[in-house]
Amino acid sequence: MSQINYRSIEKRDYEIACKIISDSFGLSRYFSDTSTLVALQKHYLYSCLAEASYTCVAEKDNCVIGIIMGNAKGDIHLTKRITFMVKMLYYSFKMKYLAKRNRVTIEDYKNLHAIYHSFNSKHKGEFNGVLTLFAVTESARGHGVGKQLWSNLKDYLATKGATPIYLYTDSTCNTGFYDKQGFHCLENQNLTVTRDQKKCDIEIYLYSYELKKSV
């Protein structure tokens, strides 16, 4: 691949970030209504931005091809966080309104977050950091982009003393990457969802990772 630039996310990246998130996690397979899907994408992005104290995108030929976000406990950017939380709440209400108006169910999304909440409650206080968002375009996979993004986040988290960290993922994602990087699965729970208008089962995971502290 040609030269890849790694930098913090900027507002101009938000639209492509939404597309990368949607494509990577197959969000369109859960929603047949486009307007509800777009609201969900933006809600998802702003919720990640609200939680993140670190962001990094991979850019090739002026196009974002990968993104990672994370948080180190105690490293808070309050003004940005409040702004993103307001946006997140706005798109949360919009998503619910559009889903109701267009008769689209968002129960799977609610059930997913209920599992996240149960995992979080069980392991409350165990972590000092989190990998909030991690996605790479299909064309960029296998070229080391994901590994470099993860390495950049690890460097940041290590300097903040954030260890151990956690992440949520599921069986529709490339969990093999996390296994190879040394993550450990702490919890898993089955969830029945509707994808492509068919019922199917997926596994929801809570992973942890122990970083080496920066000297």
N, C-alpha and C. Protein backbone atom coordinates (compact mmCIF):
# COMPACT_ATOMS: atom_id res chain seq x y z
N MET A 1 0.85 -1.19 0.00
CA MET A 1 0.00 0.00 0.00
C MET A 1 0.88 1.24 0.00
N SER A 2 0.35 2.34 -0.52
CA SER A 2 1.08 3.59 -0.52
C SER A 2 1.14 4.15 0.89
N GLN A 3 1.80 5.29 1.05
CA GLN A 3 2.01 5.88 2.36
C GLN A 3 0.69 6.07 3.13
N ILE A 4 0.71 5.65 4.39
CA ILE A 4 -0.46 5.79 5.25
C ILE A 4 -0.14 6.77 6.37
N ASN A 5 -1.01 7.73 6.56
CA ASN A 5 -0.83 8.74 7.59
C ASN A 5 -1.75 8.43 8.76
N TYR A 6 -1.23 8.55 9.98
CA TYR A 6 -2.02 8.30 11.19
C TYR A 6 -2.15 9.62 11.96
N ARG A 7 -3.37 9.99 12.25
CA ARG A 7 -3.63 11.28 12.91
C ARG A 7 -4.92 11.20 13.71
N SER A 8 -5.18 12.24 14.52
CA SER A 8 -6.43 12.31 15.28
C SER A 8 -7.62 12.53 14.34
N ILE A 9 -8.77 12.08 14.75
CA ILE A 9 -9.97 12.27 13.94
C ILE A 9 -10.35 13.75 13.91
N GLU A 10 -10.89 14.18 12.79
CA GLU A 10 -11.36 15.55 12.62
C GLU A 10 -12.83 15.52 12.18
N LYS A 11 -13.49 16.64 12.31
CA LYS A 11 -14.91 16.72 11.98
C LYS A 11 -15.18 16.30 10.55
N ARG A 12 -14.26 16.61 9.65
CA ARG A 12 -14.44 16.26 8.24
C ARG A 12 -14.42 14.74 8.01
N ASP A 13 -13.98 13.99 9.02
CA ASP A 13 -13.91 12.53 8.91
C ASP A 13 -15.19 11.84 9.34
N TYR A 14 -16.11 12.58 9.96
CA TYR A 14 -17.26 11.93 10.60
C TYR A 14 -18.13 11.15 9.62
N GLU A 15 -18.33 11.70 8.43
CA GLU A 15 -19.21 11.02 7.46
C GLU A 15 -18.63 9.67 7.04
N ILE A 16 -17.33 9.67 6.70
CA ILE A 16 -16.72 8.41 6.29
C ILE A 16 -16.58 7.47 7.48
N ALA A 17 -16.40 8.02 8.68
CA ALA A 17 -16.32 7.18 9.88
C ALA A 17 -17.63 6.43 10.08
N CYS A 18 -18.75 7.11 9.87
CA CYS A 18 -20.06 6.47 9.98
C CYS A 18 -20.18 5.30 8.99
N LYS A 19 -19.70 5.51 7.78
CA LYS A 19 -19.77 4.46 6.75
C LYS A 19 -18.89 3.27 7.13
N ILE A 20 -17.69 3.55 7.63
CA ILE A 20 -16.78 2.48 8.03
C ILE A 20 -17.39 1.67 9.17
N ILE A 21 -17.98 2.37 10.13
CA ILE A 21 -18.64 1.70 11.25
C ILE A 21 -19.78 0.81 10.74
N SER A 22 -20.61 1.36 9.86
CA SER A 22 -21.75 0.62 9.35
C SER A 22 -21.32 -0.61 8.56
N ASP A 23 -20.31 -0.43 7.69
CA ASP A 23 -19.84 -1.55 6.86
C ASP A 23 -19.14 -2.61 7.71
N SER A 24 -18.32 -2.18 8.67
CA SER A 24 -17.55 -3.12 9.48
C SER A 24 -18.43 -3.97 10.38
N PHE A 25 -19.48 -3.35 10.93
CA PHE A 25 -20.34 -4.04 11.89
C PHE A 25 -21.65 -4.52 11.27
N GLY A 26 -21.79 -4.31 9.96
CA GLY A 26 -22.98 -4.81 9.26
C GLY A 26 -24.27 -4.21 9.76
N LEU A 27 -24.26 -2.92 10.11
CA LEU A 27 -25.46 -2.30 10.69
C LEU A 27 -26.65 -2.33 9.75
N SER A 28 -26.40 -2.25 8.44
CA SER A 28 -27.51 -2.24 7.49
C SER A 28 -28.27 -3.57 7.48
N ARG A 29 -27.65 -4.61 8.01
CA ARG A 29 -28.31 -5.91 8.04
C ARG A 29 -29.38 -5.98 9.13
N TYR A 30 -29.36 -5.00 10.04
CA TYR A 30 -30.34 -4.95 11.12
C TYR A 30 -31.50 -4.01 10.82
N PHE A 31 -31.27 -3.04 9.91
CA PHE A 31 -32.28 -2.02 9.64
C PHE A 31 -32.55 -1.93 8.14
N SER A 32 -33.82 -2.05 7.77
CA SER A 32 -34.19 -1.92 6.37
C SER A 32 -34.49 -0.47 6.01
N ASP A 33 -34.75 0.36 7.03
CA ASP A 33 -35.07 1.77 6.80
C ASP A 33 -33.80 2.62 6.84
N THR A 34 -33.53 3.34 5.76
CA THR A 34 -32.29 4.11 5.63
C THR A 34 -32.18 5.24 6.65
N SER A 35 -33.27 5.97 6.88
CA SER A 35 -33.22 7.11 7.78
C SER A 35 -32.90 6.67 9.22
N THR A 36 -33.48 5.55 9.65
CA THR A 36 -33.20 5.03 10.98
C THR A 36 -31.75 4.56 11.06
N LEU A 37 -31.27 3.94 9.99
CA LEU A 37 -29.89 3.47 9.94
C LEU A 37 -28.91 4.63 10.07
N VAL A 38 -29.15 5.72 9.35
CA VAL A 38 -28.26 6.88 9.40
C VAL A 38 -28.23 7.47 10.82
N ALA A 39 -29.39 7.56 11.46
CA ALA A 39 -29.46 8.06 12.83
C ALA A 39 -28.69 7.15 13.78
N LEU A 40 -28.79 5.84 13.56
CA LEU A 40 -28.05 4.89 14.38
C LEU A 40 -26.55 5.06 14.19
N GLN A 41 -26.11 5.21 12.95
CA GLN A 41 -24.69 5.40 12.67
C GLN A 41 -24.14 6.61 13.42
N LYS A 42 -24.88 7.71 13.38
CA LYS A 42 -24.42 8.94 14.02
C LYS A 42 -24.47 8.82 15.54
N HIS A 43 -25.51 8.15 16.04
CA HIS A 43 -25.59 7.91 17.49
C HIS A 43 -24.40 7.08 17.94
N TYR A 44 -24.07 6.06 17.19
CA TYR A 44 -22.94 5.18 17.50
C TYR A 44 -21.64 5.98 17.50
N LEU A 45 -21.42 6.77 16.47
CA LEU A 45 -20.18 7.55 16.36
C LEU A 45 -20.05 8.53 17.52
N TYR A 46 -21.10 9.30 17.80
CA TYR A 46 -21.00 10.31 18.85
C TYR A 46 -20.90 9.68 20.24
N SER A 47 -21.48 8.50 20.43
CA SER A 47 -21.33 7.82 21.71
C SER A 47 -19.87 7.40 21.92
N CYS A 48 -19.22 6.98 20.84
CA CYS A 48 -17.80 6.62 20.92
C CYS A 48 -16.93 7.85 21.16
N LEU A 49 -17.24 8.94 20.46
CA LEU A 49 -16.49 10.18 20.62
C LEU A 49 -16.66 10.73 22.04
N ALA A 50 -17.85 10.59 22.61
CA ALA A 50 -18.11 11.09 23.95
C ALA A 50 -17.29 10.35 24.99
N GLU A 51 -17.05 9.08 24.74
CA GLU A 51 -16.29 8.26 25.70
C GLU A 51 -14.79 8.35 25.49
N ALA A 52 -14.36 8.64 24.27
CA ALA A 52 -12.94 8.55 23.92
C ALA A 52 -12.13 9.73 24.44
N SER A 53 -10.94 9.42 24.95
CA SER A 53 -9.96 10.46 25.26
C SER A 53 -8.81 10.40 24.26
N TYR A 54 -8.86 9.40 23.37
CA TYR A 54 -7.86 9.26 22.30
C TYR A 54 -8.55 8.78 21.04
N THR A 55 -8.20 9.39 19.92
CA THR A 55 -8.70 8.94 18.62
C THR A 55 -7.55 8.90 17.62
N CYS A 56 -7.64 7.99 16.67
CA CYS A 56 -6.65 7.92 15.60
C CYS A 56 -7.31 7.34 14.37
N VAL A 57 -7.07 7.97 13.22
CA VAL A 57 -7.52 7.42 11.96
C VAL A 57 -6.32 7.11 11.08
N ALA A 58 -6.49 6.12 10.22
CA ALA A 58 -5.48 5.80 9.20
C ALA A 58 -5.98 6.40 7.90
N GLU A 59 -5.13 7.17 7.24
CA GLU A 59 -5.53 7.87 6.02
C GLU A 59 -4.59 7.53 4.88
N LYS A 60 -5.18 7.11 3.76
CA LYS A 60 -4.40 6.77 2.57
C LYS A 60 -5.00 7.52 1.38
N ASP A 61 -4.16 8.25 0.65
CA ASP A 61 -4.63 9.02 -0.51
C ASP A 61 -5.80 9.92 -0.14
N ASN A 62 -5.68 10.58 1.02
CA ASN A 62 -6.69 11.53 1.52
C ASN A 62 -8.03 10.88 1.84
N CYS A 63 -8.03 9.58 2.08
CA CYS A 63 -9.26 8.87 2.42
C CYS A 63 -9.03 8.03 3.68
N VAL A 64 -9.91 8.16 4.65
CA VAL A 64 -9.79 7.39 5.88
C VAL A 64 -10.11 5.92 5.60
N ILE A 65 -9.21 5.04 6.06
CA ILE A 65 -9.39 3.60 5.83
C ILE A 65 -9.45 2.81 7.12
N GLY A 66 -9.28 3.49 8.24
CA GLY A 66 -9.36 2.81 9.53
C GLY A 66 -9.48 3.81 10.66
N ILE A 67 -10.03 3.34 11.77
CA ILE A 67 -10.26 4.24 12.89
C ILE A 67 -10.21 3.46 14.20
N ILE A 68 -9.65 4.10 15.22
CA ILE A 68 -9.63 3.50 16.56
C ILE A 68 -9.85 4.61 17.58
N MET A 69 -10.55 4.27 18.65
CA MET A 69 -10.78 5.19 19.76
C MET A 69 -10.62 4.44 21.07
N GLY A 70 -10.18 5.16 22.09
CA GLY A 70 -10.04 4.55 23.40
C GLY A 70 -10.10 5.59 24.48
N ASN A 71 -10.16 5.11 25.70
CA ASN A 71 -10.25 6.01 26.84
C ASN A 71 -9.34 5.52 27.96
N ALA A 72 -8.62 6.47 28.54
CA ALA A 72 -7.83 6.21 29.74
C ALA A 72 -8.54 6.90 30.90
N LYS A 73 -8.82 6.16 31.94
CA LYS A 73 -9.54 6.70 33.09
C LYS A 73 -8.81 7.92 33.64
N GLY A 74 -9.54 8.99 33.82
CA GLY A 74 -8.96 10.20 34.37
C GLY A 74 -8.51 11.21 33.34
N ASP A 75 -8.37 10.77 32.08
CA ASP A 75 -7.96 11.70 31.02
C ASP A 75 -9.24 12.22 30.35
N ILE A 76 -9.81 13.26 30.92
CA ILE A 76 -11.12 13.75 30.49
C ILE A 76 -11.00 15.10 29.80
N HIS A 77 -11.62 15.21 28.63
CA HIS A 77 -11.72 16.48 27.92
C HIS A 77 -13.19 16.91 28.02
N LEU A 78 -13.52 17.62 29.11
CA LEU A 78 -14.91 17.84 29.49
C LEU A 78 -15.73 18.57 28.43
N THR A 79 -15.18 19.64 27.86
CA THR A 79 -15.95 20.43 26.88
C THR A 79 -16.33 19.59 25.68
N LYS A 80 -15.35 18.87 25.12
CA LYS A 80 -15.63 18.02 23.97
C LYS A 80 -16.61 16.92 24.35
N ARG A 81 -16.44 16.36 25.53
CA ARG A 81 -17.31 15.26 25.95
C ARG A 81 -18.76 15.71 26.04
N ILE A 82 -18.99 16.87 26.62
CA ILE A 82 -20.35 17.38 26.75
C ILE A 82 -20.96 17.61 25.37
N THR A 83 -20.16 18.20 24.47
CA THR A 83 -20.65 18.45 23.10
C THR A 83 -21.06 17.16 22.42
N PHE A 84 -20.22 16.13 22.53
CA PHE A 84 -20.51 14.86 21.89
C PHE A 84 -21.70 14.15 22.56
N MET A 85 -21.83 14.31 23.86
CA MET A 85 -22.96 13.69 24.56
C MET A 85 -24.29 14.31 24.13
N VAL A 86 -24.30 15.61 23.91
CA VAL A 86 -25.51 16.28 23.42
C VAL A 86 -25.88 15.73 22.04
N LYS A 87 -24.87 15.60 21.17
CA LYS A 87 -25.10 15.04 19.83
C LYS A 87 -25.60 13.60 19.93
N MET A 88 -24.99 12.83 20.82
CA MET A 88 -25.37 11.44 21.01
C MET A 88 -26.84 11.33 21.44
N LEU A 89 -27.24 12.16 22.39
CA LEU A 89 -28.62 12.14 22.88
C LEU A 89 -29.59 12.57 21.78
N TYR A 90 -29.19 13.56 21.00
CA TYR A 90 -30.04 14.03 19.89
C TYR A 90 -30.32 12.88 18.92
N TYR A 91 -29.26 12.17 18.51
CA TYR A 91 -29.45 11.10 17.54
C TYR A 91 -30.10 9.86 18.17
N SER A 92 -29.98 9.72 19.47
CA SER A 92 -30.68 8.64 20.16
C SER A 92 -32.19 8.87 20.07
N PHE A 93 -32.62 10.09 20.38
CA PHE A 93 -34.05 10.42 20.27
C PHE A 93 -34.53 10.35 18.82
N LYS A 94 -33.68 10.81 17.90
CA LYS A 94 -34.06 10.79 16.49
C LYS A 94 -34.21 9.36 16.00
N MET A 95 -33.28 8.49 16.40
CA MET A 95 -33.35 7.09 16.00
C MET A 95 -34.64 6.44 16.51
N LYS A 96 -34.98 6.71 17.76
CA LYS A 96 -36.19 6.12 18.34
C LYS A 96 -37.45 6.66 17.65
N TYR A 97 -37.44 7.96 17.35
CA TYR A 97 -38.58 8.57 16.67
C TYR A 97 -38.77 7.98 15.28
N LEU A 98 -37.66 7.89 14.53
CA LEU A 98 -37.74 7.37 13.16
C LEU A 98 -38.14 5.89 13.15
N ALA A 99 -37.61 5.15 14.12
CA ALA A 99 -37.95 3.73 14.20
C ALA A 99 -39.44 3.54 14.45
N LYS A 100 -39.98 4.36 15.35
CA LYS A 100 -41.42 4.27 15.65
C LYS A 100 -42.24 4.70 14.45
N ARG A 101 -41.84 5.83 13.82
CA ARG A 101 -42.59 6.34 12.67
C ARG A 101 -42.58 5.36 11.51
N ASN A 102 -41.44 4.72 11.28
CA ASN A 102 -41.29 3.83 10.14
C ASN A 102 -41.49 2.35 10.49
N ARG A 103 -41.94 2.13 11.73
CA ARG A 103 -42.26 0.77 12.20
C ARG A 103 -41.06 -0.16 12.06
N VAL A 104 -39.93 0.35 12.55
CA VAL A 104 -38.69 -0.43 12.55
C VAL A 104 -38.34 -0.76 14.00
N THR A 105 -38.06 -2.00 14.28
CA THR A 105 -37.71 -2.38 15.65
C THR A 105 -36.24 -2.09 15.95
N ILE A 106 -35.97 -1.58 17.14
CA ILE A 106 -34.59 -1.37 17.58
C ILE A 106 -34.34 -2.18 18.86
N GLU A 107 -35.15 -3.21 19.06
CA GLU A 107 -35.03 -4.03 20.26
C GLU A 107 -33.68 -4.74 20.33
N ASP A 108 -33.16 -5.18 19.18
CA ASP A 108 -31.86 -5.86 19.18
C ASP A 108 -30.77 -4.93 19.72
N TYR A 109 -30.83 -3.67 19.29
CA TYR A 109 -29.86 -2.67 19.73
C TYR A 109 -29.97 -2.45 21.24
N LYS A 110 -31.20 -2.38 21.75
CA LYS A 110 -31.43 -2.20 23.18
C LYS A 110 -30.94 -3.42 23.96
N ASN A 111 -31.22 -4.61 23.45
CA ASN A 111 -30.81 -5.83 24.13
C ASN A 111 -29.29 -5.97 24.17
N LEU A 112 -28.65 -5.54 23.09
CA LEU A 112 -27.19 -5.58 23.04
C LEU A 112 -26.60 -4.71 24.15
N HIS A 113 -27.13 -3.50 24.29
CA HIS A 113 -26.61 -2.59 25.32
C HIS A 113 -26.97 -3.06 26.72
N ALA A 114 -28.05 -3.80 26.85
CA ALA A 114 -28.40 -4.37 28.16
C ALA A 114 -27.35 -5.39 28.58
N ILE A 115 -26.85 -6.16 27.61
CA ILE A 115 -25.79 -7.13 27.91
C ILE A 115 -24.51 -6.40 28.28
N TYR A 116 -24.17 -5.36 27.52
CA TYR A 116 -23.00 -4.54 27.86
C TYR A 116 -23.09 -4.04 29.30
N HIS A 117 -24.28 -3.56 29.67
CA HIS A 117 -24.49 -3.01 31.01
C HIS A 117 -24.30 -4.10 32.07
N SER A 118 -24.79 -5.30 31.80
CA SER A 118 -24.65 -6.39 32.76
C SER A 118 -23.19 -6.79 32.94
N PHE A 119 -22.44 -6.82 31.82
CA PHE A 119 -21.00 -7.10 31.90
C PHE A 119 -20.29 -6.03 32.72
N ASN A 120 -20.64 -4.78 32.43
CA ASN A 120 -19.99 -3.65 33.10
C ASN A 120 -20.26 -3.67 34.61
N SER A 121 -21.49 -3.99 34.98
CA SER A 121 -21.86 -4.05 36.40
C SER A 121 -21.10 -5.14 37.12
N LYS A 122 -20.93 -6.26 36.46
CA LYS A 122 -20.24 -7.39 37.08
C LYS A 122 -18.76 -7.10 37.30
N HIS A 123 -18.15 -6.31 36.39
CA HIS A 123 -16.70 -6.06 36.46
C HIS A 123 -16.39 -4.60 36.80
N LYS A 124 -17.32 -3.95 37.46
CA LYS A 124 -17.17 -2.53 37.80
C LYS A 124 -15.90 -2.31 38.62
N GLY A 125 -15.11 -1.32 38.20
CA GLY A 125 -13.90 -0.96 38.94
C GLY A 125 -12.66 -1.77 38.61
N GLU A 126 -12.79 -2.74 37.68
CA GLU A 126 -11.65 -3.60 37.37
C GLU A 126 -10.71 -3.02 36.32
N PHE A 127 -11.18 -2.02 35.56
CA PHE A 127 -10.41 -1.54 34.41
C PHE A 127 -10.08 -0.05 34.53
N ASN A 128 -8.97 0.32 33.92
CA ASN A 128 -8.54 1.72 33.88
C ASN A 128 -8.62 2.31 32.47
N GLY A 129 -9.06 1.51 31.52
CA GLY A 129 -9.14 1.99 30.14
C GLY A 129 -10.05 1.12 29.31
N VAL A 130 -10.36 1.61 28.11
CA VAL A 130 -11.27 0.88 27.23
C VAL A 130 -10.90 1.14 25.77
N LEU A 131 -11.02 0.12 24.96
CA LEU A 131 -10.94 0.26 23.50
C LEU A 131 -12.38 0.48 23.06
N THR A 132 -12.70 1.71 22.70
CA THR A 132 -14.07 2.12 22.45
C THR A 132 -14.57 1.73 21.06
N LEU A 133 -13.72 1.93 20.06
CA LEU A 133 -14.11 1.69 18.66
C LEU A 133 -12.89 1.27 17.88
N PHE A 134 -13.06 0.27 17.03
CA PHE A 134 -11.96 -0.22 16.20
C PHE A 134 -12.56 -0.77 14.92
N ALA A 135 -12.25 -0.15 13.78
CA ALA A 135 -12.80 -0.61 12.49
C ALA A 135 -11.84 -0.23 11.37
N VAL A 136 -11.71 -1.15 10.42
CA VAL A 136 -10.83 -0.95 9.25
C VAL A 136 -11.62 -1.35 8.01
N THR A 137 -11.46 -0.60 6.94
CA THR A 137 -12.16 -0.92 5.71
C THR A 137 -11.69 -2.28 5.19
N GLU A 138 -12.57 -2.95 4.45
CA GLU A 138 -12.24 -4.29 3.94
C GLU A 138 -10.99 -4.27 3.06
N SER A 139 -10.84 -3.24 2.23
CA SER A 139 -9.70 -3.16 1.31
C SER A 139 -8.37 -2.97 2.02
N ALA A 140 -8.41 -2.45 3.25
CA ALA A 140 -7.19 -2.17 4.00
C ALA A 140 -6.77 -3.31 4.91
N ARG A 141 -7.61 -4.31 5.04
CA ARG A 141 -7.32 -5.42 5.94
C ARG A 141 -6.21 -6.29 5.38
N GLY A 142 -5.38 -6.80 6.28
CA GLY A 142 -4.28 -7.65 5.87
C GLY A 142 -3.02 -6.89 5.48
N HIS A 143 -3.03 -5.57 5.68
CA HIS A 143 -1.87 -4.74 5.31
C HIS A 143 -1.23 -4.08 6.53
N GLY A 144 -1.61 -4.52 7.71
CA GLY A 144 -0.99 -4.00 8.92
C GLY A 144 -1.61 -2.72 9.46
N VAL A 145 -2.68 -2.25 8.84
CA VAL A 145 -3.32 -1.01 9.28
C VAL A 145 -3.91 -1.17 10.68
N GLY A 146 -4.64 -2.26 10.87
CA GLY A 146 -5.25 -2.51 12.17
C GLY A 146 -4.21 -2.65 13.26
N LYS A 147 -3.13 -3.36 12.98
CA LYS A 147 -2.07 -3.55 13.97
C LYS A 147 -1.43 -2.23 14.36
N GLN A 148 -1.25 -1.33 13.37
CA GLN A 148 -0.63 -0.04 13.67
C GLN A 148 -1.57 0.84 14.48
N LEU A 149 -2.85 0.83 14.13
CA LEU A 149 -3.82 1.59 14.91
C LEU A 149 -3.85 1.11 16.36
N TRP A 150 -3.86 -0.20 16.54
CA TRP A 150 -3.86 -0.78 17.88
C TRP A 150 -2.57 -0.44 18.62
N SER A 151 -1.45 -0.47 17.93
CA SER A 151 -0.17 -0.11 18.54
C SER A 151 -0.18 1.35 19.00
N ASN A 152 -0.75 2.24 18.19
CA ASN A 152 -0.81 3.65 18.55
C ASN A 152 -1.66 3.86 19.81
N LEU A 153 -2.81 3.16 19.88
CA LEU A 153 -3.66 3.28 21.05
C LEU A 153 -2.96 2.71 22.29
N LYS A 154 -2.27 1.60 22.12
CA LYS A 154 -1.55 1.00 23.25
C LYS A 154 -0.51 1.96 23.81
N ASP A 155 0.21 2.64 22.93
CA ASP A 155 1.22 3.60 23.38
C ASP A 155 0.58 4.70 24.23
N TYR A 156 -0.55 5.20 23.76
CA TYR A 156 -1.25 6.25 24.51
C TYR A 156 -1.71 5.72 25.87
N LEU A 157 -2.38 4.57 25.88
CA LEU A 157 -2.91 4.01 27.12
C LEU A 157 -1.78 3.72 28.12
N ALA A 158 -0.67 3.23 27.60
CA ALA A 158 0.46 2.90 28.48
C ALA A 158 1.02 4.15 29.18
N THR A 159 1.11 5.26 28.43
CA THR A 159 1.63 6.49 29.02
C THR A 159 0.69 7.03 30.10
N LYS A 160 -0.59 6.66 30.03
CA LYS A 160 -1.57 7.11 31.03
C LYS A 160 -1.73 6.09 32.16
N GLY A 161 -0.97 5.00 32.09
CA GLY A 161 -1.07 3.97 33.12
C GLY A 161 -2.39 3.22 33.10
N ALA A 162 -3.02 3.18 31.95
CA ALA A 162 -4.33 2.53 31.82
C ALA A 162 -4.17 1.04 31.57
N THR A 163 -4.21 0.26 32.59
CA THR A 163 -4.14 -1.19 32.46
C THR A 163 -4.76 -1.82 33.71
N PRO A 164 -5.57 -2.83 33.58
CA PRO A 164 -6.01 -3.45 32.33
C PRO A 164 -7.10 -2.64 31.64
N ILE A 165 -7.33 -2.98 30.37
CA ILE A 165 -8.39 -2.33 29.59
C ILE A 165 -9.38 -3.39 29.12
N TYR A 166 -10.51 -2.93 28.60
CA TYR A 166 -11.52 -3.87 28.12
C TYR A 166 -12.10 -3.40 26.79
N LEU A 167 -12.84 -4.29 26.16
CA LEU A 167 -13.62 -3.95 24.97
C LEU A 167 -14.79 -4.90 24.85
N TYR A 168 -15.84 -4.41 24.20
CA TYR A 168 -16.99 -5.24 23.86
C TYR A 168 -16.91 -5.57 22.37
N THR A 169 -17.23 -6.80 22.03
CA THR A 169 -17.30 -7.18 20.62
C THR A 169 -18.27 -8.35 20.50
N ASP A 170 -18.44 -8.87 19.29
CA ASP A 170 -19.35 -9.99 19.12
C ASP A 170 -18.85 -10.90 18.01
N SER A 171 -19.53 -12.01 17.83
CA SER A 171 -19.08 -13.06 16.92
C SER A 171 -19.19 -12.68 15.45
N THR A 172 -19.83 -11.55 15.13
CA THR A 172 -19.88 -11.09 13.74
C THR A 172 -18.61 -10.34 13.35
N CYS A 173 -17.79 -10.00 14.35
CA CYS A 173 -16.54 -9.26 14.11
C CYS A 173 -15.35 -10.21 14.06
N ASN A 174 -14.19 -9.68 13.73
CA ASN A 174 -12.97 -10.47 13.63
C ASN A 174 -12.35 -10.66 15.02
N THR A 175 -12.96 -11.53 15.82
CA THR A 175 -12.46 -11.75 17.17
C THR A 175 -11.10 -12.43 17.17
N GLY A 176 -10.75 -13.09 16.05
CA GLY A 176 -9.44 -13.73 15.95
C GLY A 176 -8.30 -12.74 16.08
N PHE A 177 -8.52 -11.49 15.63
CA PHE A 177 -7.50 -10.46 15.76
C PHE A 177 -7.18 -10.22 17.23
N TYR A 178 -8.23 -10.11 18.04
CA TYR A 178 -8.02 -9.86 19.46
C TYR A 178 -7.33 -11.04 20.14
N ASP A 179 -7.70 -12.25 19.74
CA ASP A 179 -7.05 -13.44 20.29
C ASP A 179 -5.55 -13.42 20.00
N LYS A 180 -5.19 -13.07 18.77
CA LYS A 180 -3.79 -13.05 18.37
C LYS A 180 -3.01 -11.94 19.08
N GLN A 181 -3.69 -10.86 19.43
CA GLN A 181 -3.03 -9.73 20.09
C GLN A 181 -2.88 -9.94 21.59
N GLY A 182 -3.43 -11.03 22.10
CA GLY A 182 -3.27 -11.32 23.52
C GLY A 182 -4.44 -10.92 24.41
N PHE A 183 -5.59 -10.61 23.81
CA PHE A 183 -6.78 -10.32 24.61
C PHE A 183 -7.32 -11.63 25.20
N HIS A 184 -8.04 -11.49 26.31
CA HIS A 184 -8.64 -12.65 26.96
C HIS A 184 -10.15 -12.42 27.12
N CYS A 185 -10.92 -13.42 26.77
CA CYS A 185 -12.37 -13.32 26.88
C CYS A 185 -12.79 -13.58 28.33
N LEU A 186 -13.44 -12.58 28.95
CA LEU A 186 -13.89 -12.70 30.33
C LEU A 186 -15.34 -13.16 30.43
N GLU A 187 -16.16 -12.68 29.51
CA GLU A 187 -17.59 -13.00 29.55
C GLU A 187 -18.11 -13.20 28.13
N ASN A 188 -19.13 -14.03 28.01
CA ASN A 188 -19.84 -14.15 26.74
C ASN A 188 -21.30 -14.47 27.01
N GLN A 189 -22.15 -14.00 26.14
CA GLN A 189 -23.58 -14.24 26.28
C GLN A 189 -24.22 -14.29 24.90
N ASN A 190 -25.13 -15.23 24.75
CA ASN A 190 -25.83 -15.38 23.48
C ASN A 190 -26.95 -14.35 23.34
N LEU A 191 -27.14 -13.86 22.12
CA LEU A 191 -28.23 -12.92 21.83
C LEU A 191 -28.85 -13.31 20.50
N THR A 192 -30.16 -13.47 20.49
CA THR A 192 -30.90 -13.74 19.26
C THR A 192 -31.29 -12.41 18.63
N VAL A 193 -30.88 -12.20 17.39
CA VAL A 193 -31.16 -10.95 16.69
C VAL A 193 -31.79 -11.24 15.34
N THR A 194 -32.30 -10.19 14.71
CA THR A 194 -32.84 -10.30 13.36
C THR A 194 -31.89 -9.61 12.41
N ARG A 195 -31.28 -10.39 11.53
CA ARG A 195 -30.37 -9.85 10.51
C ARG A 195 -30.87 -10.30 9.15
N ASP A 196 -30.91 -9.38 8.22
CA ASP A 196 -31.43 -9.70 6.89
C ASP A 196 -32.81 -10.33 6.98
N GLN A 197 -33.61 -9.82 7.94
CA GLN A 197 -34.99 -10.24 8.16
C GLN A 197 -35.10 -11.71 8.57
N LYS A 198 -34.02 -12.25 9.15
CA LYS A 198 -34.03 -13.63 9.63
C LYS A 198 -33.47 -13.66 11.05
N LYS A 199 -34.03 -14.55 11.87
CA LYS A 199 -33.55 -14.71 13.23
C LYS A 199 -32.23 -15.49 13.22
N CYS A 200 -31.27 -15.02 14.01
CA CYS A 200 -30.00 -15.73 14.13
C CYS A 200 -29.40 -15.44 15.50
N ASP A 201 -28.49 -16.29 15.92
CA ASP A 201 -27.83 -16.13 17.22
C ASP A 201 -26.42 -15.61 17.03
N ILE A 202 -26.04 -14.64 17.87
CA ILE A 202 -24.66 -14.16 17.91
C ILE A 202 -24.18 -14.19 19.35
N GLU A 203 -22.87 -14.23 19.52
CA GLU A 203 -22.28 -14.21 20.85
C GLU A 203 -21.72 -12.82 21.14
N ILE A 204 -22.03 -12.30 22.31
CA ILE A 204 -21.51 -11.01 22.76
C ILE A 204 -20.37 -11.28 23.73
N TYR A 205 -19.24 -10.59 23.55
CA TYR A 205 -18.05 -10.86 24.36
C TYR A 205 -17.58 -9.63 25.11
N LEU A 206 -17.01 -9.88 26.29
CA LEU A 206 -16.23 -8.89 27.01
C LEU A 206 -14.80 -9.39 27.04
N TYR A 207 -13.89 -8.63 26.42
CA TYR A 207 -12.48 -8.98 26.38
C TYR A 207 -11.69 -8.04 27.28
N SER A 208 -10.56 -8.54 27.80
CA SER A 208 -9.66 -7.71 28.58
C SER A 208 -8.25 -7.83 28.03
N TYR A 209 -7.44 -6.82 28.31
CA TYR A 209 -6.05 -6.82 27.85
C TYR A 209 -5.19 -6.13 28.91
N GLU A 210 -4.05 -6.73 29.22
CA GLU A 210 -3.11 -6.18 30.20
C GLU A 210 -1.95 -5.53 29.45
N LEU A 211 -1.86 -4.22 29.54
CA LEU A 211 -0.76 -3.51 28.89
C LEU A 211 0.47 -3.47 29.79
N LYS A 212 1.61 -3.34 29.13
CA LYS A 212 2.83 -3.09 29.88
C LYS A 212 2.90 -1.60 30.17
N LYS A 213 3.11 -1.26 31.42
CA LYS A 213 3.13 0.13 31.81
C LYS A 213 4.35 0.85 31.25
N SER A 214 4.14 2.09 30.80
CA SER A 214 5.24 2.88 30.26
C SER A 214 6.20 3.30 31.36
N VAL A 215 7.49 3.15 31.07
CA VAL A 215 8.52 3.47 32.07
C VAL A 215 8.84 4.96 32.00
